[in-house]
Amino acid sequence: MDRHLQFDDGRIWVARVRTPGPNYLAGGEKMLEPEACLKSEIVNATFLKKSSSIPIQTVYGFDLGVTDEVGGPYELFEHVGETTANELRVLRNGNDSNMYGTREQDKKFRQKLAEI
């Protein structure tokens, strides 16, 4: 669950709380626990920020515990933009916002979906 926190100076942070979810994916593969997911996100964001020019959020604080006042693992980080994956898909594919990837990828995806 993400919540935007806007400060008086206009800066925006995101508070992300990891809640327990299903333990397994559809194929039976075990998922990471919420604490492990959050730790992985923080480690990867920190590494990418230091090692690349990719615009990555600054992590301001976090707690991986489940017994804190929040009731689960959380992180506070810088908000870096408004573009969503869906918006990028529309930009790439024009008005055909129901398409996944290129036309060829979309056709293959839908054929595979129909086989299920």
C-alpha atoms as a PDB file:
ATOM      1  CA  MET A   1       0.000   0.000   0.000  1.00  0.00           C
ATOM      2  CA  ASP A   2       1.480   3.366  -1.034  1.00  0.00           C
ATOM      3  CA  ARG A   3       0.519   6.780   0.310  1.00  0.00           C
ATOM      4  CA  HIS A   4       1.850  10.118  -0.928  1.00  0.00           C
ATOM      5  CA  LEU A   5       3.008  12.592   1.703  1.00  0.00           C
ATOM      6  CA  GLN A   6       3.189  16.182   0.438  1.00  0.00           C
ATOM      7  CA  PHE A   7       5.159  18.674   2.520  1.00  0.00           C
ATOM      8  CA  ASP A   8       4.627  22.434   2.750  1.00  0.00           C
ATOM      9  CA  ASP A   9       7.678  23.062   0.539  1.00  0.00           C
ATOM     10  CA  GLY A  10       6.147  20.952  -2.282  1.00  0.00           C
ATOM     11  CA  ARG A  11       8.367  17.907  -1.823  1.00  0.00           C
ATOM     12  CA  ILE A  12       6.585  14.570  -2.024  1.00  0.00           C
ATOM     13  CA  TRP A  13       7.576  11.377  -0.263  1.00  0.00           C
ATOM     14  CA  VAL A  14       5.955   7.984  -0.545  1.00  0.00           C
ATOM     15  CA  ALA A  15       5.139   5.829   2.461  1.00  0.00           C
ATOM     16  CA  ARG A  16       5.002   2.182   1.377  1.00  0.00           C
ATOM     17  CA  VAL A  17       3.692  -0.418   3.802  1.00  0.00           C
ATOM     18  CA  ARG A  18       4.097  -4.069   2.881  1.00  0.00           C
ATOM     19  CA  THR A  19       1.095  -6.134   3.832  1.00  0.00           C
ATOM     20  CA  PRO A  20       0.980  -9.916   3.935  1.00  0.00           C
ATOM     21  CA  GLY A  21      -0.339 -11.478   0.767  1.00  0.00           C
ATOM     22  CA  PRO A  22      -0.548 -14.895  -0.801  1.00  0.00           C
ATOM     23  CA  ASN A  23       2.507 -17.051  -0.161  1.00  0.00           C
ATOM     24  CA  TYR A  24       2.499 -18.701  -3.578  1.00  0.00           C
ATOM     25  CA  LEU A  25       2.214 -17.622  -7.199  1.00  0.00           C
ATOM     26  CA  ALA A  26      -0.237 -19.294  -9.578  1.00  0.00           C
ATOM     27  CA  GLY A  27       2.413 -21.786 -10.749  1.00  0.00           C
ATOM     28  CA  GLY A  28       3.143 -22.924  -7.195  1.00  0.00           C
ATOM     29  CA  GLU A  29       6.359 -20.912  -6.861  1.00  0.00           C
ATOM     30  CA  LYS A  30       6.869 -19.594  -3.325  1.00  0.00           C
ATOM     31  CA  MET A  31       6.836 -15.810  -3.019  1.00  0.00           C
ATOM     32  CA  LEU A  32       9.185 -13.774  -0.874  1.00  0.00           C
ATOM     33  CA  GLU A  33       7.883 -12.650   2.485  1.00  0.00           C
ATOM     34  CA  PRO A  34       6.951  -8.919   2.653  1.00  0.00           C
ATOM     35  CA  GLU A  35      10.088  -8.154   4.695  1.00  0.00           C
ATOM     36  CA  ALA A  36      12.351  -9.811   2.114  1.00  0.00           C
ATOM     37  CA  CYS A  37      10.611  -7.995  -0.774  1.00  0.00           C
ATOM     38  CA  LEU A  38      11.055  -4.641   0.914  1.00  0.00           C
ATOM     39  CA  LYS A  39      14.695  -5.335   1.795  1.00  0.00           C
ATOM     40  CA  SER A  40      15.374  -6.305  -1.832  1.00  0.00           C
ATOM     41  CA  GLU A  41      13.719  -3.099  -3.110  1.00  0.00           C
ATOM     42  CA  ILE A  42      15.790  -0.951  -0.751  1.00  0.00           C
ATOM     43  CA  VAL A  43      19.088  -2.686  -1.560  1.00  0.00           C
ATOM     44  CA  ASN A  44      18.448  -2.497  -5.313  1.00  0.00           C
ATOM     45  CA  ALA A  45      17.322   1.148  -5.231  1.00  0.00           C
ATOM     46  CA  THR A  46      20.396   2.129  -3.198  1.00  0.00           C
ATOM     47  CA  PHE A  47      22.735   0.253  -5.551  1.00  0.00           C
ATOM     48  CA  LEU A  48      21.168   1.702  -8.717  1.00  0.00           C
ATOM     49  CA  LYS A  49      21.212   5.238  -7.307  1.00  0.00           C
ATOM     50  CA  LYS A  50      24.951   4.965  -6.546  1.00  0.00           C
ATOM     51  CA  SER A  51      25.942   3.030  -9.676  1.00  0.00           C
ATOM     52  CA  SER A  52      23.865   4.487 -12.505  1.00  0.00           C
ATOM     53  CA  SER A  53      22.255   7.613 -13.879  1.00  0.00           C
ATOM     54  CA  ILE A  54      18.769   6.079 -13.707  1.00  0.00           C
ATOM     55  CA  PRO A  55      16.439   8.401 -11.742  1.00  0.00           C
ATOM     56  CA  ILE A  56      15.957   6.308  -8.600  1.00  0.00           C
ATOM     57  CA  GLN A  57      14.234   7.472  -5.450  1.00  0.00           C
ATOM     58  CA  THR A  58      16.201   8.269  -2.304  1.00  0.00           C
ATOM     59  CA  VAL A  59      15.186   6.015   0.585  1.00  0.00           C
ATOM     60  CA  TYR A  60      14.789   8.201   3.685  1.00  0.00           C
ATOM     61  CA  GLY A  61      13.862   5.547   6.205  1.00  0.00           C
ATOM     62  CA  PHE A  62      12.539   2.043   6.663  1.00  0.00           C
ATOM     63  CA  ASP A  63      11.735  -0.649   9.209  1.00  0.00           C
ATOM     64  CA  LEU A  64      11.686  -4.304   8.215  1.00  0.00           C
ATOM     65  CA  GLY A  65      10.023  -5.421  11.440  1.00  0.00           C
ATOM     66  CA  VAL A  66       6.456  -6.570  11.850  1.00  0.00           C
ATOM     67  CA  THR A  67       6.071  -5.613  15.511  1.00  0.00           C
ATOM     68  CA  ASP A  68       6.480  -1.841  15.092  1.00  0.00           C
ATOM     69  CA  GLU A  69       3.642   0.670  15.510  1.00  0.00           C
ATOM     70  CA  VAL A  70       2.877   0.489  11.782  1.00  0.00           C
ATOM     71  CA  GLY A  71       2.238  -3.237  12.064  1.00  0.00           C
ATOM     72  CA  GLY A  72       4.452  -4.308   9.190  1.00  0.00           C
ATOM     73  CA  PRO A  73       7.559  -3.482   7.197  1.00  0.00           C
ATOM     74  CA  TYR A  74       7.566  -0.022   5.620  1.00  0.00           C
ATOM     75  CA  GLU A  75       9.778   2.451   3.796  1.00  0.00           C
ATOM     76  CA  LEU A  76       9.732   6.200   3.235  1.00  0.00           C
ATOM     77  CA  PHE A  77      11.211   7.363  -0.049  1.00  0.00           C
ATOM     78  CA  GLU A  78      11.379  10.253  -2.463  1.00  0.00           C
ATOM     79  CA  HIS A  79       8.651  10.489  -5.091  1.00  0.00           C
ATOM     80  CA  VAL A  80      10.380  10.660  -8.491  1.00  0.00           C
ATOM     81  CA  GLY A  81       7.566  11.095 -10.993  1.00  0.00           C
ATOM     82  CA  GLU A  82       4.032  10.468 -12.108  1.00  0.00           C
ATOM     83  CA  THR A  83       4.516   8.218 -15.139  1.00  0.00           C
ATOM     84  CA  THR A  84       2.888   4.824 -14.740  1.00  0.00           C
ATOM     85  CA  ALA A  85       3.477   1.679 -16.776  1.00  0.00           C
ATOM     86  CA  ASN A  86       0.051   2.134 -18.356  1.00  0.00           C
ATOM     87  CA  GLU A  87       0.894   5.704 -19.404  1.00  0.00           C
ATOM     88  CA  LEU A  88       4.137   4.475 -20.984  1.00  0.00           C
ATOM     89  CA  ARG A  89       2.191   1.798 -22.862  1.00  0.00           C
ATOM     90  CA  VAL A  90      -0.198   4.448 -24.249  1.00  0.00           C
ATOM     91  CA  LEU A  91       2.741   6.663 -25.267  1.00  0.00           C
ATOM     92  CA  ARG A  92       4.400   3.745 -27.042  1.00  0.00           C
ATOM     93  CA  ASN A  93       1.293   2.409 -28.757  1.00  0.00           C
ATOM     94  CA  GLY A  94      -0.683   5.591 -29.358  1.00  0.00           C
ATOM     95  CA  ASN A  95      -4.395   5.460 -28.644  1.00  0.00           C
ATOM     96  CA  ASP A  96      -4.396   1.659 -28.708  1.00  0.00           C
ATOM     97  CA  SER A  97      -3.949   1.508 -24.928  1.00  0.00           C
ATOM     98  CA  ASN A  98      -5.270  -2.055 -24.724  1.00  0.00           C
ATOM     99  CA  MET A  99      -2.249  -3.431 -26.575  1.00  0.00           C
ATOM    100  CA  TYR A 100       0.588  -5.174 -24.736  1.00  0.00           C
ATOM    101  CA  GLY A 101       3.973  -4.372 -26.281  1.00  0.00           C
ATOM    102  CA  THR A 102       4.284  -4.288 -30.060  1.00  0.00           C
ATOM    103  CA  ARG A 103       1.463  -5.529 -32.296  1.00  0.00           C
ATOM    104  CA  GLU A 104       3.300  -8.842 -32.753  1.00  0.00           C
ATOM    105  CA  GLN A 105       3.889  -9.227 -28.997  1.00  0.00           C
ATOM    106  CA  ASP A 106       0.258  -8.355 -28.311  1.00  0.00           C
ATOM    107  CA  LYS A 107      -0.984 -10.965 -30.791  1.00  0.00           C
ATOM    108  CA  LYS A 108       1.270 -13.650 -29.294  1.00  0.00           C
ATOM    109  CA  PHE A 109       0.235 -12.689 -25.749  1.00  0.00           C
ATOM    110  CA  ARG A 110      -3.470 -12.876 -26.574  1.00  0.00           C
ATOM    111  CA  GLN A 111      -3.061 -16.208 -28.397  1.00  0.00           C
ATOM    112  CA  LYS A 112      -1.305 -17.704 -25.371  1.00  0.00           C
ATOM    113  CA  LEU A 113      -3.989 -16.296 -23.085  1.00  0.00           C
ATOM    114  CA  ALA A 114      -6.711 -17.873 -25.240  1.00  0.00           C
ATOM    115  CA  GLU A 115      -5.019 -21.272 -24.906  1.00  0.00           C
ATOM    116  CA  ILE A 116      -5.491 -21.261 -21.138  1.00  0.00           C
END
